[in-house]
N, C-alpha and C. Protein backbone atom coordinates (compact mmCIF):
# COMPACT_ATOMS: atom_id res chain seq x y z
N UNK A 1 -48.84 -134.64 -146.26
CA UNK A 1 -50.05 -134.61 -145.45
C UNK A 1 -50.95 -135.79 -145.82
N UNK A 2 -51.36 -136.53 -144.82
CA UNK A 2 -52.22 -137.70 -145.06
C UNK A 2 -53.64 -137.28 -145.40
N UNK A 3 -54.30 -138.08 -146.22
CA UNK A 3 -55.70 -137.85 -146.49
C UNK A 3 -56.52 -138.31 -145.29
N UNK A 4 -57.71 -137.69 -145.14
CA UNK A 4 -58.55 -137.94 -143.96
C UNK A 4 -59.70 -138.88 -144.32
N UNK A 5 -59.92 -139.85 -143.44
CA UNK A 5 -60.97 -140.85 -143.64
C UNK A 5 -61.91 -140.85 -142.44
N UNK A 6 -63.19 -140.64 -142.72
CA UNK A 6 -64.23 -140.81 -141.70
C UNK A 6 -64.65 -142.27 -141.77
N UNK A 7 -64.47 -143.00 -140.69
CA UNK A 7 -64.76 -144.43 -140.65
C UNK A 7 -66.14 -144.64 -140.03
N UNK A 8 -67.06 -145.09 -140.86
CA UNK A 8 -68.45 -145.31 -140.44
C UNK A 8 -68.55 -146.65 -139.69
N UNK A 9 -69.58 -146.81 -138.91
CA UNK A 9 -69.75 -147.93 -137.97
C UNK A 9 -69.63 -149.31 -138.61
N UNK A 10 -70.14 -149.48 -139.82
CA UNK A 10 -70.12 -150.81 -140.43
C UNK A 10 -68.70 -151.36 -140.58
N UNK A 11 -67.72 -150.49 -140.73
CA UNK A 11 -66.33 -150.95 -140.85
C UNK A 11 -65.90 -151.67 -139.58
N UNK A 12 -66.23 -151.10 -138.44
CA UNK A 12 -65.85 -151.73 -137.16
C UNK A 12 -66.61 -153.03 -136.94
N UNK A 13 -67.84 -153.09 -137.43
CA UNK A 13 -68.62 -154.32 -137.31
C UNK A 13 -67.97 -155.46 -138.09
N UNK A 14 -67.60 -155.20 -139.34
CA UNK A 14 -66.95 -156.25 -140.15
C UNK A 14 -65.54 -156.55 -139.66
N UNK A 15 -64.85 -155.55 -139.15
CA UNK A 15 -63.49 -155.74 -138.67
C UNK A 15 -63.42 -156.66 -137.46
N UNK A 16 -64.40 -156.55 -136.56
CA UNK A 16 -64.29 -157.23 -135.27
C UNK A 16 -65.26 -158.40 -135.08
N UNK A 17 -66.13 -158.64 -136.05
CA UNK A 17 -67.12 -159.71 -135.86
C UNK A 17 -66.50 -161.09 -136.05
N UNK A 18 -67.16 -162.08 -135.49
CA UNK A 18 -66.73 -163.47 -135.64
C UNK A 18 -66.88 -163.85 -137.12
N UNK A 19 -66.03 -164.75 -137.61
CA UNK A 19 -66.11 -165.15 -139.02
C UNK A 19 -67.52 -165.59 -139.41
N UNK A 20 -67.96 -165.07 -140.54
CA UNK A 20 -69.32 -165.35 -141.01
C UNK A 20 -69.34 -166.55 -141.95
N UNK A 21 -70.45 -167.26 -141.95
CA UNK A 21 -70.67 -168.35 -142.91
C UNK A 21 -71.20 -167.80 -144.23
N UNK A 22 -71.77 -166.59 -144.18
CA UNK A 22 -72.28 -165.95 -145.39
C UNK A 22 -71.08 -165.54 -146.24
N UNK A 23 -71.07 -165.98 -147.48
CA UNK A 23 -69.90 -165.77 -148.33
C UNK A 23 -69.60 -164.29 -148.57
N UNK A 24 -70.63 -163.49 -148.76
CA UNK A 24 -70.41 -162.06 -148.99
C UNK A 24 -69.91 -161.38 -147.72
N UNK A 25 -70.53 -161.68 -146.59
CA UNK A 25 -70.09 -161.10 -145.32
C UNK A 25 -68.66 -161.52 -145.01
N UNK A 26 -68.32 -162.78 -145.29
CA UNK A 26 -66.96 -163.27 -145.05
C UNK A 26 -65.96 -162.52 -145.93
N UNK A 27 -66.33 -162.26 -147.16
CA UNK A 27 -65.44 -161.51 -148.06
C UNK A 27 -65.25 -160.08 -147.54
N UNK A 28 -66.33 -159.45 -147.10
CA UNK A 28 -66.23 -158.08 -146.58
C UNK A 28 -65.38 -158.06 -145.30
N UNK A 29 -65.52 -159.08 -144.47
CA UNK A 29 -64.68 -159.16 -143.26
C UNK A 29 -63.20 -159.25 -143.65
N UNK A 30 -62.91 -160.08 -144.62
CA UNK A 30 -61.53 -160.27 -145.07
C UNK A 30 -60.97 -158.98 -145.67
N UNK A 31 -61.74 -158.32 -146.53
CA UNK A 31 -61.29 -157.07 -147.15
C UNK A 31 -61.10 -155.97 -146.11
N UNK A 32 -61.99 -155.94 -145.13
CA UNK A 32 -61.88 -154.93 -144.07
C UNK A 32 -60.61 -155.16 -143.25
N UNK A 33 -60.37 -156.40 -142.88
CA UNK A 33 -59.16 -156.73 -142.11
C UNK A 33 -57.91 -156.41 -142.92
N UNK A 34 -57.93 -156.71 -144.21
CA UNK A 34 -56.77 -156.41 -145.07
C UNK A 34 -56.53 -154.90 -145.13
N UNK A 35 -57.60 -154.13 -145.34
CA UNK A 35 -57.45 -152.66 -145.39
C UNK A 35 -56.90 -152.14 -144.05
N UNK A 36 -57.47 -152.65 -142.97
CA UNK A 36 -57.07 -152.21 -141.63
C UNK A 36 -55.58 -152.49 -141.40
N UNK A 37 -55.14 -153.66 -141.79
CA UNK A 37 -53.74 -154.04 -141.57
C UNK A 37 -52.78 -153.33 -142.53
N UNK A 38 -53.17 -153.22 -143.79
CA UNK A 38 -52.26 -152.68 -144.82
C UNK A 38 -52.33 -151.18 -145.02
N UNK A 39 -53.50 -150.58 -144.87
CA UNK A 39 -53.66 -149.20 -145.33
C UNK A 39 -54.05 -148.17 -144.28
N UNK A 40 -54.60 -148.57 -143.16
CA UNK A 40 -55.14 -147.56 -142.24
C UNK A 40 -54.09 -146.56 -141.78
N UNK A 41 -52.85 -146.98 -141.64
CA UNK A 41 -51.81 -146.06 -141.19
C UNK A 41 -51.40 -145.06 -142.26
N UNK A 42 -51.85 -145.28 -143.50
CA UNK A 42 -51.58 -144.33 -144.59
C UNK A 42 -52.51 -143.12 -144.55
N UNK A 43 -53.51 -143.16 -143.67
CA UNK A 43 -54.53 -142.12 -143.59
C UNK A 43 -54.66 -141.61 -142.16
N UNK A 44 -55.23 -140.42 -142.02
CA UNK A 44 -55.67 -139.93 -140.71
C UNK A 44 -57.12 -140.36 -140.57
N UNK A 45 -57.40 -141.20 -139.57
CA UNK A 45 -58.75 -141.72 -139.36
C UNK A 45 -59.51 -140.88 -138.36
N UNK A 46 -60.82 -140.79 -138.57
CA UNK A 46 -61.72 -140.07 -137.68
C UNK A 46 -63.01 -140.86 -137.53
N UNK A 47 -63.63 -140.71 -136.37
CA UNK A 47 -64.97 -141.24 -136.13
C UNK A 47 -65.77 -140.13 -135.47
N UNK A 48 -66.97 -140.46 -135.04
CA UNK A 48 -67.80 -139.49 -134.32
C UNK A 48 -68.46 -140.19 -133.13
N UNK A 49 -69.07 -139.40 -132.29
CA UNK A 49 -69.82 -139.96 -131.17
C UNK A 49 -70.95 -140.85 -131.70
N UNK A 50 -71.48 -140.52 -132.87
CA UNK A 50 -72.52 -141.35 -133.49
C UNK A 50 -71.98 -142.75 -133.80
N UNK A 51 -70.77 -142.84 -134.31
CA UNK A 51 -70.16 -144.14 -134.58
C UNK A 51 -70.02 -144.91 -133.27
N UNK A 52 -69.52 -144.25 -132.24
CA UNK A 52 -69.35 -144.92 -130.94
C UNK A 52 -70.71 -145.39 -130.40
N UNK A 53 -71.71 -144.54 -130.51
CA UNK A 53 -73.05 -144.89 -130.01
C UNK A 53 -73.62 -146.09 -130.76
N UNK A 54 -73.53 -146.07 -132.09
CA UNK A 54 -74.05 -147.18 -132.89
C UNK A 54 -73.30 -148.48 -132.57
N UNK A 55 -72.01 -148.36 -132.31
CA UNK A 55 -71.18 -149.54 -132.06
C UNK A 55 -71.47 -150.21 -130.72
N UNK A 56 -72.12 -149.50 -129.81
CA UNK A 56 -72.41 -150.08 -128.49
C UNK A 56 -73.64 -150.99 -128.50
N UNK A 57 -74.38 -151.00 -129.61
CA UNK A 57 -75.59 -151.82 -129.68
C UNK A 57 -75.29 -153.30 -129.82
N UNK A 58 -76.29 -154.12 -129.56
CA UNK A 58 -76.17 -155.56 -129.77
C UNK A 58 -75.42 -156.27 -128.66
N UNK A 59 -74.84 -157.40 -129.01
CA UNK A 59 -74.11 -158.25 -128.09
C UNK A 59 -73.01 -157.45 -127.39
N UNK A 60 -72.95 -157.59 -126.07
CA UNK A 60 -72.00 -156.80 -125.26
C UNK A 60 -70.55 -157.11 -125.61
N UNK A 61 -70.22 -158.38 -125.83
CA UNK A 61 -68.84 -158.73 -126.16
C UNK A 61 -68.45 -158.19 -127.54
N UNK A 62 -69.37 -158.30 -128.49
CA UNK A 62 -69.10 -157.77 -129.83
C UNK A 62 -68.96 -156.25 -129.77
N UNK A 63 -69.81 -155.60 -128.99
CA UNK A 63 -69.73 -154.14 -128.84
C UNK A 63 -68.39 -153.74 -128.23
N UNK A 64 -67.92 -154.50 -127.26
CA UNK A 64 -66.63 -154.20 -126.62
C UNK A 64 -65.49 -154.30 -127.63
N UNK A 65 -65.56 -155.30 -128.54
CA UNK A 65 -64.52 -155.43 -129.58
C UNK A 65 -64.57 -154.24 -130.54
N UNK A 66 -65.79 -153.82 -130.91
CA UNK A 66 -65.91 -152.67 -131.82
C UNK A 66 -65.35 -151.41 -131.18
N UNK A 67 -65.70 -151.17 -129.93
CA UNK A 67 -65.23 -149.97 -129.21
C UNK A 67 -63.71 -150.02 -129.04
N UNK A 68 -63.16 -151.19 -128.74
CA UNK A 68 -61.70 -151.32 -128.58
C UNK A 68 -60.97 -150.98 -129.89
N UNK A 69 -61.55 -151.36 -131.03
CA UNK A 69 -60.92 -151.07 -132.32
C UNK A 69 -60.87 -149.57 -132.61
N UNK A 70 -61.74 -148.82 -131.95
CA UNK A 70 -61.80 -147.36 -132.16
C UNK A 70 -60.82 -146.60 -131.28
N UNK A 71 -60.18 -147.30 -130.39
CA UNK A 71 -59.30 -146.65 -129.42
C UNK A 71 -58.27 -145.76 -130.11
N UNK A 72 -58.21 -144.52 -129.66
CA UNK A 72 -57.22 -143.58 -130.17
C UNK A 72 -57.63 -142.83 -131.43
N UNK A 73 -58.77 -143.15 -132.01
CA UNK A 73 -59.22 -142.45 -133.22
C UNK A 73 -59.97 -141.19 -132.79
N UNK A 74 -59.56 -140.02 -133.30
CA UNK A 74 -60.20 -138.77 -132.89
C UNK A 74 -61.67 -138.69 -133.28
N UNK A 75 -62.43 -137.98 -132.43
CA UNK A 75 -63.87 -137.78 -132.65
C UNK A 75 -64.14 -136.46 -133.35
N UNK A 76 -64.98 -136.50 -134.39
CA UNK A 76 -65.47 -135.28 -135.03
C UNK A 76 -66.70 -134.81 -134.26
N UNK A 77 -66.85 -133.50 -134.12
CA UNK A 77 -67.98 -132.95 -133.37
C UNK A 77 -69.24 -132.89 -134.22
N UNK A 78 -70.35 -133.23 -133.58
CA UNK A 78 -71.66 -133.10 -134.22
C UNK A 78 -72.16 -131.68 -133.89
N UNK A 79 -71.91 -130.76 -134.81
CA UNK A 79 -72.26 -129.36 -134.62
C UNK A 79 -73.66 -129.07 -135.16
N UNK A 80 -74.15 -127.86 -134.91
CA UNK A 80 -75.44 -127.44 -135.48
C UNK A 80 -75.40 -127.51 -137.01
N UNK A 81 -74.25 -127.16 -137.59
CA UNK A 81 -74.10 -127.20 -139.05
C UNK A 81 -74.20 -128.64 -139.56
N UNK A 82 -73.63 -129.58 -138.83
CA UNK A 82 -73.71 -131.00 -139.20
C UNK A 82 -75.16 -131.46 -139.16
N UNK A 83 -75.86 -131.12 -138.09
CA UNK A 83 -77.27 -131.52 -137.93
C UNK A 83 -78.13 -130.91 -139.03
N UNK A 84 -77.90 -129.65 -139.34
CA UNK A 84 -78.67 -128.96 -140.37
C UNK A 84 -78.46 -129.62 -141.74
N UNK A 85 -77.22 -129.91 -142.08
CA UNK A 85 -76.97 -130.59 -143.36
C UNK A 85 -77.58 -131.99 -143.35
N UNK A 86 -77.51 -132.67 -142.23
CA UNK A 86 -78.13 -133.98 -142.12
C UNK A 86 -79.61 -133.94 -142.45
N UNK A 87 -80.30 -132.92 -141.95
CA UNK A 87 -81.74 -132.76 -142.26
C UNK A 87 -81.95 -132.52 -143.75
N UNK A 88 -81.07 -131.72 -144.35
CA UNK A 88 -81.18 -131.40 -145.77
C UNK A 88 -80.97 -132.64 -146.64
N UNK A 89 -80.14 -133.55 -146.19
CA UNK A 89 -79.86 -134.78 -146.95
C UNK A 89 -81.04 -135.76 -146.94
N UNK A 90 -81.94 -135.60 -145.97
CA UNK A 90 -83.10 -136.48 -145.89
C UNK A 90 -84.19 -136.02 -146.85
N UNK A 91 -85.10 -136.93 -147.19
CA UNK A 91 -86.19 -136.60 -148.13
C UNK A 91 -86.81 -135.25 -147.81
N UNK A 92 -87.00 -134.41 -148.80
CA UNK A 92 -86.93 -134.68 -150.24
C UNK A 92 -85.52 -134.71 -150.81
N UNK A 93 -84.51 -134.72 -149.97
CA UNK A 93 -83.12 -134.85 -150.43
C UNK A 93 -82.85 -136.28 -150.87
N UNK A 94 -81.59 -136.64 -151.05
CA UNK A 94 -81.25 -137.94 -151.63
C UNK A 94 -81.47 -139.16 -150.73
N UNK A 95 -81.57 -138.96 -149.41
CA UNK A 95 -81.73 -140.10 -148.50
C UNK A 95 -83.15 -140.21 -147.97
N UNK A 96 -83.63 -141.44 -147.73
CA UNK A 96 -84.97 -141.60 -147.16
C UNK A 96 -85.01 -141.10 -145.71
N UNK A 97 -86.18 -140.70 -145.25
CA UNK A 97 -86.35 -140.16 -143.90
C UNK A 97 -85.81 -141.10 -142.83
N UNK A 98 -85.94 -142.40 -143.04
CA UNK A 98 -85.51 -143.37 -142.02
C UNK A 98 -83.98 -143.46 -141.89
N UNK A 99 -83.25 -142.81 -142.79
CA UNK A 99 -81.78 -142.90 -142.79
C UNK A 99 -81.13 -141.73 -142.06
N UNK A 100 -81.68 -141.37 -140.91
CA UNK A 100 -81.17 -140.22 -140.15
C UNK A 100 -79.70 -140.38 -139.78
N UNK A 101 -79.32 -141.55 -139.28
CA UNK A 101 -77.93 -141.78 -138.91
C UNK A 101 -77.00 -141.69 -140.11
N UNK A 102 -77.43 -142.25 -141.23
CA UNK A 102 -76.62 -142.20 -142.44
C UNK A 102 -76.45 -140.76 -142.93
N UNK A 103 -77.50 -139.97 -142.82
CA UNK A 103 -77.43 -138.56 -143.20
C UNK A 103 -76.43 -137.83 -142.31
N UNK A 104 -76.41 -138.15 -141.03
CA UNK A 104 -75.44 -137.52 -140.13
C UNK A 104 -74.01 -137.96 -140.44
N UNK A 105 -73.80 -139.23 -140.79
CA UNK A 105 -72.46 -139.68 -141.17
C UNK A 105 -71.98 -138.89 -142.39
N UNK A 106 -72.84 -138.76 -143.39
CA UNK A 106 -72.48 -137.99 -144.59
C UNK A 106 -72.18 -136.54 -144.26
N UNK A 107 -73.02 -135.93 -143.45
CA UNK A 107 -72.82 -134.52 -143.13
C UNK A 107 -71.56 -134.32 -142.28
N UNK A 108 -71.26 -135.24 -141.38
CA UNK A 108 -70.01 -135.17 -140.61
C UNK A 108 -68.80 -135.19 -141.54
N UNK A 109 -68.82 -136.12 -142.50
CA UNK A 109 -67.70 -136.23 -143.44
C UNK A 109 -67.56 -134.98 -144.30
N UNK A 110 -68.67 -134.40 -144.69
CA UNK A 110 -68.63 -133.20 -145.53
C UNK A 110 -68.21 -131.96 -144.74
N UNK A 111 -68.89 -131.68 -143.67
CA UNK A 111 -68.62 -130.47 -142.89
C UNK A 111 -67.19 -130.47 -142.35
N UNK A 112 -66.68 -131.63 -141.97
CA UNK A 112 -65.32 -131.71 -141.43
C UNK A 112 -64.27 -131.96 -142.51
N UNK A 113 -64.70 -131.85 -143.77
CA UNK A 113 -63.79 -131.90 -144.93
C UNK A 113 -62.94 -133.17 -144.99
N UNK A 114 -63.60 -134.30 -144.83
CA UNK A 114 -62.93 -135.59 -144.97
C UNK A 114 -62.72 -135.88 -146.46
N UNK A 115 -61.65 -136.55 -146.78
CA UNK A 115 -61.41 -136.95 -148.16
C UNK A 115 -62.25 -138.18 -148.52
N UNK A 116 -62.45 -139.06 -147.54
CA UNK A 116 -63.19 -140.30 -147.76
C UNK A 116 -64.17 -140.56 -146.62
N UNK A 117 -65.28 -141.19 -146.98
CA UNK A 117 -66.20 -141.77 -146.00
C UNK A 117 -66.14 -143.28 -146.26
N UNK A 118 -65.55 -144.03 -145.34
CA UNK A 118 -65.34 -145.46 -145.51
C UNK A 118 -66.51 -146.22 -144.88
N UNK A 119 -67.15 -147.08 -145.67
CA UNK A 119 -68.37 -147.74 -145.21
C UNK A 119 -68.61 -149.04 -145.97
N UNK A 120 -69.39 -149.92 -145.36
CA UNK A 120 -69.95 -151.07 -146.06
C UNK A 120 -71.45 -150.88 -146.21
N UNK A 121 -71.97 -149.71 -145.89
CA UNK A 121 -73.39 -149.43 -146.03
C UNK A 121 -73.66 -149.05 -147.49
N UNK A 122 -74.09 -150.03 -148.26
CA UNK A 122 -74.37 -149.80 -149.68
C UNK A 122 -75.84 -149.52 -149.94
N UNK A 123 -76.64 -149.55 -148.91
CA UNK A 123 -78.06 -149.22 -149.08
C UNK A 123 -78.25 -147.71 -149.19
N UNK A 124 -77.63 -146.95 -148.30
CA UNK A 124 -77.85 -145.50 -148.29
C UNK A 124 -76.59 -144.67 -148.53
N UNK A 125 -75.40 -145.22 -148.31
CA UNK A 125 -74.19 -144.42 -148.42
C UNK A 125 -73.41 -144.71 -149.71
N UNK A 126 -72.82 -145.88 -149.83
CA UNK A 126 -72.07 -146.21 -151.04
C UNK A 126 -73.02 -146.84 -152.06
N UNK A 127 -73.96 -146.05 -152.50
CA UNK A 127 -75.03 -146.49 -153.39
C UNK A 127 -74.93 -145.71 -154.70
N UNK A 128 -74.81 -146.42 -155.81
CA UNK A 128 -74.58 -145.78 -157.12
C UNK A 128 -75.71 -144.85 -157.55
N UNK A 129 -76.93 -145.06 -157.07
CA UNK A 129 -78.04 -144.17 -157.42
C UNK A 129 -78.10 -142.94 -156.51
N UNK A 130 -77.67 -143.11 -155.27
CA UNK A 130 -77.76 -142.01 -154.30
C UNK A 130 -76.54 -141.08 -154.36
N UNK A 131 -75.35 -141.63 -154.58
CA UNK A 131 -74.13 -140.81 -154.54
C UNK A 131 -74.15 -139.61 -155.49
N UNK A 132 -74.61 -139.74 -156.74
CA UNK A 132 -74.63 -138.55 -157.60
C UNK A 132 -75.55 -137.45 -157.07
N UNK A 133 -76.65 -137.84 -156.44
CA UNK A 133 -77.58 -136.87 -155.86
C UNK A 133 -76.94 -136.16 -154.67
N UNK A 134 -76.21 -136.92 -153.87
CA UNK A 134 -75.50 -136.34 -152.72
C UNK A 134 -74.45 -135.35 -153.22
N UNK A 135 -73.67 -135.76 -154.23
CA UNK A 135 -72.63 -134.88 -154.77
C UNK A 135 -73.23 -133.58 -155.29
N UNK A 136 -74.34 -133.68 -156.03
CA UNK A 136 -75.01 -132.48 -156.56
C UNK A 136 -75.45 -131.56 -155.44
N UNK A 137 -76.09 -132.10 -154.43
CA UNK A 137 -76.58 -131.30 -153.32
C UNK A 137 -75.42 -130.60 -152.60
N UNK A 138 -74.36 -131.33 -152.30
CA UNK A 138 -73.21 -130.75 -151.61
C UNK A 138 -72.53 -129.69 -152.48
N UNK A 139 -72.42 -129.96 -153.78
CA UNK A 139 -71.80 -128.99 -154.69
C UNK A 139 -72.63 -127.71 -154.75
N UNK A 140 -73.94 -127.85 -154.81
CA UNK A 140 -74.83 -126.67 -154.85
C UNK A 140 -74.65 -125.82 -153.60
N UNK A 141 -74.34 -126.44 -152.49
CA UNK A 141 -74.16 -125.72 -151.23
C UNK A 141 -72.71 -125.27 -151.03
N UNK A 142 -71.85 -125.60 -151.99
CA UNK A 142 -70.44 -125.23 -151.88
C UNK A 142 -69.69 -125.98 -150.78
N UNK A 143 -70.16 -127.19 -150.48
CA UNK A 143 -69.57 -127.97 -149.39
C UNK A 143 -68.59 -129.02 -149.91
N UNK A 144 -67.74 -129.48 -149.04
CA UNK A 144 -66.78 -130.54 -149.34
C UNK A 144 -67.54 -131.82 -149.71
N UNK A 145 -67.01 -132.52 -150.71
CA UNK A 145 -67.64 -133.75 -151.18
C UNK A 145 -66.68 -134.92 -150.95
N UNK A 146 -66.90 -135.67 -149.85
CA UNK A 146 -66.01 -136.82 -149.60
C UNK A 146 -66.30 -137.95 -150.59
N UNK A 147 -65.28 -138.70 -150.92
CA UNK A 147 -65.47 -139.89 -151.75
C UNK A 147 -66.02 -140.98 -150.84
N UNK A 148 -67.19 -141.48 -151.15
CA UNK A 148 -67.82 -142.53 -150.35
C UNK A 148 -67.40 -143.86 -150.95
N UNK A 149 -66.78 -144.72 -150.13
CA UNK A 149 -66.23 -145.95 -150.68
C UNK A 149 -66.13 -147.05 -149.62
N UNK A 150 -65.87 -148.25 -150.10
CA UNK A 150 -65.66 -149.41 -149.23
C UNK A 150 -64.16 -149.64 -149.08
N UNK A 151 -63.74 -150.47 -148.12
CA UNK A 151 -62.33 -150.81 -148.02
C UNK A 151 -61.77 -151.42 -149.31
N UNK A 152 -62.59 -152.17 -150.03
CA UNK A 152 -62.15 -152.76 -151.30
C UNK A 152 -61.73 -151.67 -152.29
N UNK A 153 -62.45 -150.56 -152.29
CA UNK A 153 -62.16 -149.47 -153.22
C UNK A 153 -60.96 -148.62 -152.76
N UNK A 154 -60.62 -148.69 -151.48
CA UNK A 154 -59.55 -147.86 -150.94
C UNK A 154 -58.32 -148.70 -150.58
N UNK A 155 -58.27 -149.93 -151.06
CA UNK A 155 -57.18 -150.82 -150.72
C UNK A 155 -55.89 -150.44 -151.44
N UNK A 156 -56.00 -149.74 -152.55
CA UNK A 156 -54.80 -149.39 -153.32
C UNK A 156 -54.50 -150.47 -154.35
N UNK A 157 -53.33 -150.38 -154.92
CA UNK A 157 -52.89 -151.30 -155.95
C UNK A 157 -52.30 -152.55 -155.30
N UNK A 158 -53.03 -153.64 -155.35
CA UNK A 158 -52.56 -154.89 -154.74
C UNK A 158 -51.29 -155.41 -155.39
N UNK A 159 -51.05 -155.04 -156.64
CA UNK A 159 -49.86 -155.50 -157.35
C UNK A 159 -48.62 -154.68 -156.98
N UNK A 160 -48.82 -153.66 -156.16
CA UNK A 160 -47.72 -152.78 -155.79
C UNK A 160 -47.43 -152.90 -154.30
N UNK A 161 -47.45 -154.13 -153.79
CA UNK A 161 -47.22 -154.35 -152.37
C UNK A 161 -45.75 -154.18 -152.05
N UNK A 162 -45.47 -153.70 -150.85
CA UNK A 162 -44.09 -153.51 -150.42
C UNK A 162 -43.47 -154.81 -149.97
């Protein structure tokens, strides 16, 4: 049985954007493309309507590339339970009030029992100060705790290539 990955919007942005001159952004683009090519088929991928909605913003051509990359990936439902947990994750919880979308991404991954939440959002999601607080809150509620990580962390052993 494959492990389940909730793919957050930033992954599609780095996967489909034009090559960046910014060295960090270029590295993230490269790592995302490598993960997508080498590892995505090793997992069951999921997104949500929130991911699709966020991906439609900005430049129309870029949005079309992001949406095309999502083709065939199943949608997780935004249920009342997801919304309720999302509210709980916001202040005074571990996430700031302005991070409503990020709270929903986290709650989607937890409520739907994803093994991983894949993201490049290191401000509110893959953040070393916030993740322990999220884990504690989810554990206290007896909820599933997805591993929040970047493609770099989920790439596997590069020395063990086939």
